Amino acid sequence: MAAKIYVCDNCGFLFTRTGECDQCPDCGKKMVRDASPEEKEEFAKRQKEYNC
């Protein structure tokens, strides 16, 4: 199963998980959804910037 990029609608945290995710690992709220194409681009940019 491939990793997916998620975003929290409460705190804006962008993160990846393998499989489904319903809770933000940063703030703990259950306001998580799949990232939009623009948010996925932002996530990739941040990873490249921080060499992750």
N, C-alpha and C. Protein backbone atom coordinates (compact mmCIF):
# COMPACT_ATOMS: atom_id res chain seq x y z
N MET A 1 0.85 -1.18 0.00
CA MET A 1 0.00 0.00 0.00
C MET A 1 0.90 1.25 0.00
N ALA A 2 0.59 2.17 -0.85
CA ALA A 2 1.40 3.39 -0.99
C ALA A 2 1.00 4.42 0.07
N ALA A 3 1.96 5.24 0.42
CA ALA A 3 1.70 6.32 1.39
C ALA A 3 0.85 7.39 0.72
N LYS A 4 -0.04 7.98 1.52
CA LYS A 4 -0.90 9.06 1.04
C LYS A 4 -0.56 10.32 1.83
N ILE A 5 -0.84 11.46 1.24
CA ILE A 5 -0.62 12.73 1.90
C ILE A 5 -1.96 13.24 2.41
N TYR A 6 -1.96 13.61 3.68
CA TYR A 6 -3.16 14.11 4.35
C TYR A 6 -2.91 15.52 4.85
N VAL A 7 -4.01 16.23 5.13
CA VAL A 7 -3.94 17.56 5.74
C VAL A 7 -5.01 17.64 6.82
N CYS A 8 -4.69 18.32 7.89
CA CYS A 8 -5.65 18.54 8.97
C CYS A 8 -6.34 19.88 8.74
N ASP A 9 -7.66 19.87 8.72
CA ASP A 9 -8.42 21.11 8.53
C ASP A 9 -8.43 21.97 9.78
N ASN A 10 -8.02 21.43 10.91
CA ASN A 10 -7.96 22.21 12.14
C ASN A 10 -6.66 23.01 12.23
N CYS A 11 -5.52 22.34 12.10
CA CYS A 11 -4.24 23.02 12.31
C CYS A 11 -3.41 23.19 11.03
N GLY A 12 -3.82 22.55 9.92
CA GLY A 12 -3.11 22.71 8.66
C GLY A 12 -1.91 21.80 8.50
N PHE A 13 -1.69 20.87 9.43
CA PHE A 13 -0.54 19.97 9.38
C PHE A 13 -0.62 19.08 8.15
N LEU A 14 0.46 19.02 7.36
CA LEU A 14 0.58 18.14 6.20
C LEU A 14 1.45 16.96 6.60
N PHE A 15 0.99 15.73 6.31
CA PHE A 15 1.74 14.55 6.71
C PHE A 15 1.40 13.37 5.82
N THR A 16 2.22 12.34 5.89
CA THR A 16 1.97 11.13 5.12
C THR A 16 1.70 9.97 6.07
N ARG A 17 0.91 9.04 5.57
CA ARG A 17 0.62 7.80 6.27
C ARG A 17 0.39 6.72 5.22
N THR A 18 0.72 5.50 5.58
CA THR A 18 0.39 4.36 4.75
C THR A 18 -0.96 3.86 5.22
N GLY A 19 -1.92 3.84 4.34
CA GLY A 19 -3.26 3.43 4.72
C GLY A 19 -4.11 4.62 5.13
N GLU A 20 -5.26 4.31 5.67
CA GLU A 20 -6.21 5.35 6.06
C GLU A 20 -5.81 6.01 7.38
N CYS A 21 -6.21 7.25 7.53
CA CYS A 21 -5.92 8.03 8.73
C CYS A 21 -7.11 8.92 9.01
N ASP A 22 -7.54 8.96 10.28
CA ASP A 22 -8.69 9.80 10.61
C ASP A 22 -8.39 10.79 11.73
N GLN A 23 -7.15 10.81 12.24
CA GLN A 23 -6.81 11.70 13.34
C GLN A 23 -5.46 12.35 13.08
N CYS A 24 -5.37 13.65 13.32
CA CYS A 24 -4.14 14.40 13.10
C CYS A 24 -3.09 14.01 14.15
N PRO A 25 -1.87 13.65 13.71
CA PRO A 25 -0.83 13.31 14.67
C PRO A 25 -0.26 14.54 15.39
N ASP A 26 -0.59 15.73 14.92
CA ASP A 26 -0.08 16.95 15.54
C ASP A 26 -1.03 17.48 16.61
N CYS A 27 -2.29 17.73 16.23
CA CYS A 27 -3.24 18.33 17.18
C CYS A 27 -4.23 17.33 17.76
N GLY A 28 -4.35 16.15 17.14
CA GLY A 28 -5.24 15.12 17.65
C GLY A 28 -6.69 15.20 17.20
N LYS A 29 -7.03 16.24 16.44
CA LYS A 29 -8.42 16.40 15.98
C LYS A 29 -8.73 15.39 14.88
N LYS A 30 -9.98 15.05 14.76
CA LYS A 30 -10.44 14.13 13.71
C LYS A 30 -11.00 14.94 12.54
N MET A 31 -10.16 15.82 12.03
CA MET A 31 -10.53 16.70 10.92
C MET A 31 -9.54 16.52 9.77
N VAL A 32 -9.20 15.26 9.47
CA VAL A 32 -8.18 14.93 8.47
C VAL A 32 -8.86 14.57 7.15
N ARG A 33 -8.24 15.00 6.07
CA ARG A 33 -8.72 14.67 4.72
C ARG A 33 -7.53 14.48 3.79
N ASP A 34 -7.78 13.91 2.62
CA ASP A 34 -6.74 13.78 1.60
C ASP A 34 -6.31 15.18 1.16
N ALA A 35 -5.03 15.35 0.94
CA ALA A 35 -4.50 16.64 0.49
C ALA A 35 -4.92 16.91 -0.95
N SER A 36 -5.13 18.18 -1.25
CA SER A 36 -5.44 18.60 -2.62
C SER A 36 -4.15 18.57 -3.44
N PRO A 37 -4.25 18.66 -4.77
CA PRO A 37 -3.02 18.70 -5.58
C PRO A 37 -2.07 19.84 -5.17
N GLU A 38 -2.63 20.99 -4.83
CA GLU A 38 -1.79 22.12 -4.42
C GLU A 38 -1.09 21.83 -3.08
N GLU A 39 -1.81 21.20 -2.17
CA GLU A 39 -1.23 20.85 -0.87
C GLU A 39 -0.16 19.77 -1.03
N LYS A 40 -0.36 18.86 -1.97
CA LYS A 40 0.65 17.82 -2.24
C LYS A 40 1.93 18.46 -2.79
N GLU A 41 1.78 19.47 -3.64
CA GLU A 41 2.94 20.19 -4.16
C GLU A 41 3.68 20.90 -3.03
N GLU A 42 2.95 21.52 -2.12
CA GLU A 42 3.55 22.19 -0.97
C GLU A 42 4.30 21.19 -0.09
N PHE A 43 3.71 20.03 0.11
CA PHE A 43 4.36 18.99 0.91
C PHE A 43 5.68 18.56 0.27
N ALA A 44 5.67 18.33 -1.05
CA ALA A 44 6.88 17.94 -1.77
C ALA A 44 7.94 19.03 -1.69
N LYS A 45 7.51 20.28 -1.80
CA LYS A 45 8.43 21.42 -1.71
C LYS A 45 9.10 21.45 -0.33
N ARG A 46 8.31 21.25 0.70
CA ARG A 46 8.86 21.25 2.07
C ARG A 46 9.82 20.11 2.28
N GLN A 47 9.50 18.92 1.76
CA GLN A 47 10.41 17.79 1.90
C GLN A 47 11.73 18.06 1.22
N LYS A 48 11.67 18.63 0.03
CA LYS A 48 12.89 18.94 -0.71
C LYS A 48 13.71 20.00 0.03
N GLU A 49 13.03 21.02 0.55
CA GLU A 49 13.69 22.10 1.27
C GLU A 49 14.41 21.60 2.52
N TYR A 50 13.79 20.65 3.22
CA TYR A 50 14.37 20.16 4.47
C TYR A 50 15.09 18.82 4.30
N ASN A 51 15.30 18.40 3.04
CA ASN A 51 16.03 17.17 2.72
C ASN A 51 15.48 15.95 3.43
N CYS A 52 14.16 15.79 3.42
CA CYS A 52 13.53 14.63 4.08
C CYS A 52 13.37 13.48 3.12
